[in-house]
Amino acid sequence: MEQSPYASPVNQNSAPESATPDSPVGPIIGTVIVIVLLVLGGWYFWSALKERPSNQPPFIPGDQAPVEEESWLPPSLNSDDASAIQAELEAMNMSDFELYMESDLEASSPQL
């Protein structure tokens, strides 16, 4: 049997032994830390969104009968036909509409 001049004759056939076996504790702790950080971040953003006031405009129903203030608006036929739209435009009282818009503008101008 010929020996390599650089190898020790004592442990030629045995595999090197590791001092400590591989332990999965490190990756598990890292995974738990990442999950905890994600949960805390999600909780923070969820609570911030919940406290923010809503910027949605109020719901304004469109299929109500006009009140006495809106006498300029004729009853709608709810049709997309061109002749029905033309008939509604001709039936609209534009002078009452202009008076209504001017009074609305005057009422809101002190608030501006």
N, C-alpha and C. Protein backbone atom coordinates (compact mmCIF):
# COMPACT_ATOMS: atom_id res chain seq x y z
N MET A 1 0.82 -1.16 0.00
CA MET A 1 0.00 0.00 0.00
C MET A 1 0.89 1.25 0.00
N GLU A 2 0.60 2.07 -0.92
CA GLU A 2 1.40 3.28 -1.07
C GLU A 2 0.70 4.45 -0.42
N GLN A 3 1.41 5.21 0.34
CA GLN A 3 0.81 6.33 1.06
C GLN A 3 1.19 7.64 0.39
N SER A 4 0.27 8.56 0.47
CA SER A 4 0.52 9.90 -0.04
C SER A 4 1.46 10.60 0.94
N PRO A 5 2.44 11.30 0.46
CA PRO A 5 3.38 11.92 1.39
C PRO A 5 2.74 13.06 2.21
N TYR A 6 1.59 13.52 1.78
CA TYR A 6 0.98 14.65 2.49
C TYR A 6 -0.16 14.23 3.41
N ALA A 7 -0.61 13.01 3.38
CA ALA A 7 -1.74 12.56 4.20
C ALA A 7 -1.23 11.85 5.44
N SER A 8 -1.96 12.01 6.50
CA SER A 8 -1.63 11.35 7.76
C SER A 8 -2.04 9.90 7.68
N PRO A 9 -1.20 8.95 8.10
CA PRO A 9 -1.54 7.53 7.99
C PRO A 9 -2.57 7.08 9.01
N VAL A 10 -2.94 7.91 9.95
CA VAL A 10 -3.84 7.49 11.00
C VAL A 10 -5.30 7.42 10.51
N ASN A 11 -5.82 8.47 9.84
CA ASN A 11 -7.23 8.53 9.44
C ASN A 11 -7.39 8.53 7.93
N GLN A 12 -6.75 7.64 7.23
CA GLN A 12 -6.86 7.62 5.78
C GLN A 12 -8.20 7.09 5.30
N ASN A 13 -8.77 6.12 5.91
CA ASN A 13 -9.99 5.49 5.45
C ASN A 13 -11.24 6.04 6.13
N SER A 14 -11.16 6.75 7.19
CA SER A 14 -12.36 7.23 7.90
C SER A 14 -12.78 8.59 7.37
N ALA A 15 -14.09 8.86 7.39
CA ALA A 15 -14.64 10.14 6.94
C ALA A 15 -14.48 11.16 8.05
N PRO A 16 -14.30 12.41 7.68
CA PRO A 16 -14.15 13.43 8.73
C PRO A 16 -15.47 13.59 9.50
N GLU A 17 -15.37 13.71 10.81
CA GLU A 17 -16.55 13.84 11.65
C GLU A 17 -16.84 15.32 11.88
N SER A 18 -18.13 15.68 11.85
CA SER A 18 -18.49 17.07 12.13
C SER A 18 -18.65 17.23 13.63
N ALA A 19 -18.29 18.38 14.13
CA ALA A 19 -18.33 18.61 15.57
C ALA A 19 -19.77 18.70 16.07
N THR A 20 -20.66 19.39 15.32
CA THR A 20 -22.07 19.50 15.73
C THR A 20 -22.96 19.09 14.57
N PRO A 21 -24.01 18.37 14.84
CA PRO A 21 -24.93 18.01 13.75
C PRO A 21 -25.73 19.24 13.31
N ASP A 22 -26.19 19.21 12.05
CA ASP A 22 -26.99 20.34 11.54
C ASP A 22 -28.29 20.42 12.32
N SER A 23 -28.62 21.64 12.76
CA SER A 23 -29.81 21.85 13.57
C SER A 23 -30.74 22.82 12.84
N PRO A 24 -32.03 22.50 12.68
CA PRO A 24 -32.96 23.39 11.97
C PRO A 24 -33.52 24.50 12.86
N VAL A 25 -32.96 24.76 14.00
CA VAL A 25 -33.50 25.77 14.92
C VAL A 25 -33.30 27.18 14.35
N GLY A 26 -32.18 27.47 13.75
CA GLY A 26 -31.91 28.81 13.21
C GLY A 26 -32.90 29.24 12.15
N PRO A 27 -33.13 28.42 11.10
CA PRO A 27 -34.12 28.81 10.09
C PRO A 27 -35.54 28.91 10.64
N ILE A 28 -35.88 28.10 11.62
CA ILE A 28 -37.22 28.16 12.20
C ILE A 28 -37.39 29.47 12.95
N ILE A 29 -36.40 29.87 13.72
CA ILE A 29 -36.48 31.14 14.45
C ILE A 29 -36.55 32.31 13.47
N GLY A 30 -35.78 32.28 12.40
CA GLY A 30 -35.84 33.33 11.39
C GLY A 30 -37.20 33.41 10.72
N THR A 31 -37.79 32.26 10.43
CA THR A 31 -39.12 32.23 9.81
C THR A 31 -40.17 32.79 10.76
N VAL A 32 -40.08 32.45 12.04
CA VAL A 32 -41.03 32.97 13.02
C VAL A 32 -40.90 34.48 13.14
N ILE A 33 -39.70 35.00 13.14
CA ILE A 33 -39.49 36.45 13.23
C ILE A 33 -40.09 37.16 12.02
N VAL A 34 -39.88 36.61 10.81
CA VAL A 34 -40.42 37.21 9.60
C VAL A 34 -41.95 37.20 9.64
N ILE A 35 -42.54 36.10 10.07
CA ILE A 35 -44.01 36.01 10.13
C ILE A 35 -44.56 37.01 11.14
N VAL A 36 -43.90 37.14 12.30
CA VAL A 36 -44.36 38.09 13.31
C VAL A 36 -44.28 39.52 12.77
N LEU A 37 -43.20 39.85 12.06
CA LEU A 37 -43.08 41.19 11.48
C LEU A 37 -44.15 41.45 10.43
N LEU A 38 -44.47 40.47 9.60
CA LEU A 38 -45.52 40.62 8.60
C LEU A 38 -46.89 40.82 9.26
N VAL A 39 -47.17 40.08 10.31
CA VAL A 39 -48.45 40.21 11.01
C VAL A 39 -48.55 41.59 11.66
N LEU A 40 -47.48 42.04 12.32
CA LEU A 40 -47.51 43.37 12.94
C LEU A 40 -47.66 44.48 11.90
N GLY A 41 -46.98 44.37 10.76
CA GLY A 41 -47.12 45.37 9.69
C GLY A 41 -48.53 45.39 9.12
N GLY A 42 -49.10 44.22 8.90
CA GLY A 42 -50.48 44.15 8.41
C GLY A 42 -51.47 44.73 9.39
N TRP A 43 -51.27 44.46 10.68
CA TRP A 43 -52.14 45.02 11.71
C TRP A 43 -52.04 46.54 11.74
N TYR A 44 -50.83 47.06 11.59
CA TYR A 44 -50.63 48.51 11.61
C TYR A 44 -51.37 49.18 10.44
N PHE A 45 -51.20 48.65 9.23
CA PHE A 45 -51.85 49.24 8.06
C PHE A 45 -53.36 49.08 8.13
N TRP A 46 -53.84 47.96 8.63
CA TRP A 46 -55.28 47.76 8.75
C TRP A 46 -55.89 48.75 9.72
N SER A 47 -55.21 48.97 10.86
CA SER A 47 -55.75 49.92 11.83
C SER A 47 -55.65 51.35 11.30
N ALA A 48 -54.63 51.67 10.52
CA ALA A 48 -54.51 53.02 9.94
C ALA A 48 -55.61 53.26 8.91
N LEU A 49 -55.95 52.25 8.12
CA LEU A 49 -57.02 52.40 7.14
C LEU A 49 -58.39 52.52 7.81
N LYS A 50 -58.55 51.82 8.93
CA LYS A 50 -59.83 51.85 9.62
C LYS A 50 -60.09 53.21 10.27
N GLU A 51 -59.04 53.89 10.71
CA GLU A 51 -59.19 55.19 11.36
C GLU A 51 -59.33 56.34 10.38
N ARG A 52 -58.94 56.13 9.13
CA ARG A 52 -59.01 57.20 8.14
C ARG A 52 -60.47 57.45 7.74
N PRO A 53 -60.90 58.72 7.65
CA PRO A 53 -62.28 59.00 7.24
C PRO A 53 -62.49 58.64 5.77
N SER A 54 -63.69 58.25 5.47
CA SER A 54 -64.02 57.86 4.11
C SER A 54 -64.18 59.10 3.23
N ASN A 55 -63.61 59.07 2.04
CA ASN A 55 -63.70 60.18 1.11
C ASN A 55 -64.78 59.95 0.05
N GLN A 56 -65.64 58.99 0.29
CA GLN A 56 -66.68 58.71 -0.68
C GLN A 56 -67.78 59.76 -0.58
N PRO A 57 -68.27 60.21 -1.72
CA PRO A 57 -69.37 61.17 -1.67
C PRO A 57 -70.65 60.47 -1.21
N PRO A 58 -71.58 61.23 -0.68
CA PRO A 58 -72.82 60.60 -0.23
C PRO A 58 -73.63 60.07 -1.41
N PHE A 59 -74.42 59.06 -1.14
CA PHE A 59 -75.26 58.47 -2.17
C PHE A 59 -76.40 59.41 -2.49
N ILE A 60 -76.56 59.72 -3.76
CA ILE A 60 -77.63 60.60 -4.22
C ILE A 60 -78.52 59.80 -5.16
N PRO A 61 -79.70 59.42 -4.72
CA PRO A 61 -80.58 58.64 -5.60
C PRO A 61 -81.06 59.49 -6.77
N GLY A 62 -81.17 58.87 -7.93
CA GLY A 62 -81.54 59.62 -9.12
C GLY A 62 -82.97 59.41 -9.58
N ASP A 63 -83.67 58.44 -9.04
CA ASP A 63 -85.01 58.13 -9.52
C ASP A 63 -86.09 58.64 -8.58
N GLN A 64 -85.90 59.80 -8.01
CA GLN A 64 -86.91 60.37 -7.13
C GLN A 64 -87.69 61.43 -7.89
N ALA A 65 -88.90 61.64 -7.46
CA ALA A 65 -89.73 62.67 -8.08
C ALA A 65 -89.19 64.04 -7.70
N PRO A 66 -89.19 65.00 -8.60
CA PRO A 66 -88.68 66.33 -8.27
C PRO A 66 -89.55 67.01 -7.22
N VAL A 67 -88.88 67.72 -6.32
CA VAL A 67 -89.61 68.47 -5.30
C VAL A 67 -89.97 69.83 -5.86
N GLU A 68 -90.69 70.63 -5.08
CA GLU A 68 -91.15 71.92 -5.60
C GLU A 68 -90.00 72.85 -5.96
N GLU A 69 -88.83 72.68 -5.33
CA GLU A 69 -87.69 73.52 -5.68
C GLU A 69 -87.19 73.22 -7.10
N GLU A 70 -87.39 72.02 -7.55
CA GLU A 70 -86.91 71.60 -8.86
C GLU A 70 -88.06 71.54 -9.87
N SER A 71 -88.83 72.56 -9.92
CA SER A 71 -89.96 72.58 -10.85
C SER A 71 -89.49 72.74 -12.29
N TRP A 72 -88.28 73.15 -12.48
CA TRP A 72 -87.75 73.31 -13.83
C TRP A 72 -87.48 71.98 -14.50
N LEU A 73 -87.42 70.90 -13.71
CA LEU A 73 -87.09 69.59 -14.23
C LEU A 73 -88.37 68.81 -14.55
N PRO A 74 -88.61 68.50 -15.82
CA PRO A 74 -89.81 67.73 -16.17
C PRO A 74 -89.64 66.27 -15.77
N PRO A 75 -90.74 65.54 -15.66
CA PRO A 75 -90.62 64.11 -15.36
C PRO A 75 -89.84 63.39 -16.46
N SER A 76 -88.98 62.49 -16.04
CA SER A 76 -88.12 61.79 -16.98
C SER A 76 -88.82 60.54 -17.52
N LEU A 77 -88.54 60.25 -18.80
CA LEU A 77 -89.12 59.07 -19.43
C LEU A 77 -88.21 57.86 -19.28
N ASN A 78 -86.97 58.08 -18.81
CA ASN A 78 -85.98 57.00 -18.63
C ASN A 78 -85.77 56.23 -19.93
N SER A 79 -85.63 56.94 -21.01
CA SER A 79 -85.42 56.31 -22.31
C SER A 79 -84.13 56.84 -22.92
N ASP A 80 -83.44 56.00 -23.68
CA ASP A 80 -82.23 56.40 -24.38
C ASP A 80 -82.50 56.77 -25.83
N ASP A 81 -83.75 56.77 -26.20
CA ASP A 81 -84.12 57.11 -27.56
C ASP A 81 -83.87 58.60 -27.79
N ALA A 82 -83.36 58.96 -28.96
CA ALA A 82 -83.02 60.36 -29.26
C ALA A 82 -84.26 61.25 -29.24
N SER A 83 -85.38 60.75 -29.73
CA SER A 83 -86.59 61.58 -29.74
C SER A 83 -87.09 61.84 -28.32
N ALA A 84 -86.95 60.87 -27.42
CA ALA A 84 -87.37 61.06 -26.03
C ALA A 84 -86.47 62.08 -25.33
N ILE A 85 -85.18 62.02 -25.61
CA ILE A 85 -84.24 62.99 -25.02
C ILE A 85 -84.54 64.39 -25.54
N GLN A 86 -84.81 64.49 -26.82
CA GLN A 86 -85.13 65.80 -27.41
C GLN A 86 -86.42 66.36 -26.81
N ALA A 87 -87.42 65.50 -26.59
CA ALA A 87 -88.68 65.95 -26.00
C ALA A 87 -88.47 66.44 -24.57
N GLU A 88 -87.60 65.76 -23.80
CA GLU A 88 -87.32 66.21 -22.44
C GLU A 88 -86.59 67.54 -22.43
N LEU A 89 -85.65 67.72 -23.35
CA LEU A 89 -84.93 69.00 -23.43
C LEU A 89 -85.87 70.16 -23.77
N GLU A 90 -86.81 69.91 -24.68
CA GLU A 90 -87.75 70.96 -25.06
C GLU A 90 -88.73 71.27 -23.94
N ALA A 91 -89.05 70.27 -23.11
CA ALA A 91 -90.01 70.47 -22.02
C ALA A 91 -89.37 71.15 -20.81
N MET A 92 -88.04 71.18 -20.75
CA MET A 92 -87.36 71.77 -19.59
C MET A 92 -87.49 73.29 -19.60
N ASN A 93 -87.83 73.86 -18.46
CA ASN A 93 -87.97 75.30 -18.32
C ASN A 93 -86.60 75.87 -17.92
N MET A 94 -85.88 76.43 -18.89
CA MET A 94 -84.52 76.89 -18.65
C MET A 94 -84.46 78.14 -17.78
N SER A 95 -85.46 79.00 -17.82
CA SER A 95 -85.42 80.20 -16.98
C SER A 95 -85.53 79.81 -15.50
N ASP A 96 -86.39 78.86 -15.18
CA ASP A 96 -86.47 78.38 -13.80
C ASP A 96 -85.17 77.68 -13.39
N PHE A 97 -84.58 76.97 -14.32
CA PHE A 97 -83.30 76.32 -14.05
C PHE A 97 -82.22 77.34 -13.72
N GLU A 98 -82.14 78.41 -14.49
CA GLU A 98 -81.14 79.45 -14.25
C GLU A 98 -81.37 80.14 -12.91
N LEU A 99 -82.63 80.41 -12.56
CA LEU A 99 -82.94 81.00 -11.26
C LEU A 99 -82.54 80.07 -10.11
N TYR A 100 -82.78 78.80 -10.30
CA TYR A 100 -82.43 77.81 -9.28
C TYR A 100 -80.91 77.76 -9.09
N MET A 101 -80.17 77.75 -10.18
CA MET A 101 -78.71 77.70 -10.11
C MET A 101 -78.14 78.98 -9.49
N GLU A 102 -78.69 80.13 -9.83
CA GLU A 102 -78.21 81.39 -9.25
C GLU A 102 -78.48 81.44 -7.75
N SER A 103 -79.64 80.99 -7.31
CA SER A 103 -79.93 81.00 -5.87
C SER A 103 -79.03 80.00 -5.14
N ASP A 104 -78.74 78.89 -5.77
CA ASP A 104 -77.84 77.91 -5.17
C ASP A 104 -76.42 78.48 -5.07
N LEU A 105 -75.98 79.21 -6.09
CA LEU A 105 -74.67 79.83 -6.08
C LEU A 105 -74.57 80.90 -5.00
N GLU A 106 -75.63 81.71 -4.88
CA GLU A 106 -75.64 82.74 -3.85
C GLU A 106 -75.64 82.12 -2.44
N ALA A 107 -76.30 81.01 -2.28
CA ALA A 107 -76.34 80.37 -0.97
C ALA A 107 -75.00 79.75 -0.61
N SER A 108 -74.24 79.29 -1.59
CA SER A 108 -72.97 78.64 -1.30
C SER A 108 -71.79 79.60 -1.34
N SER A 109 -71.92 80.80 -1.90
CA SER A 109 -70.78 81.73 -2.00
C SER A 109 -70.28 82.21 -0.64
N PRO A 110 -71.09 82.43 0.40
CA PRO A 110 -70.52 82.81 1.70
C PRO A 110 -69.66 81.70 2.31
N GLN A 111 -69.93 80.46 1.95
CA GLN A 111 -69.16 79.35 2.48
C GLN A 111 -67.79 79.23 1.81
N LEU A 112 -67.66 79.79 0.63
CA LEU A 112 -66.38 79.72 -0.07
C LEU A 112 -65.46 80.72 0.52
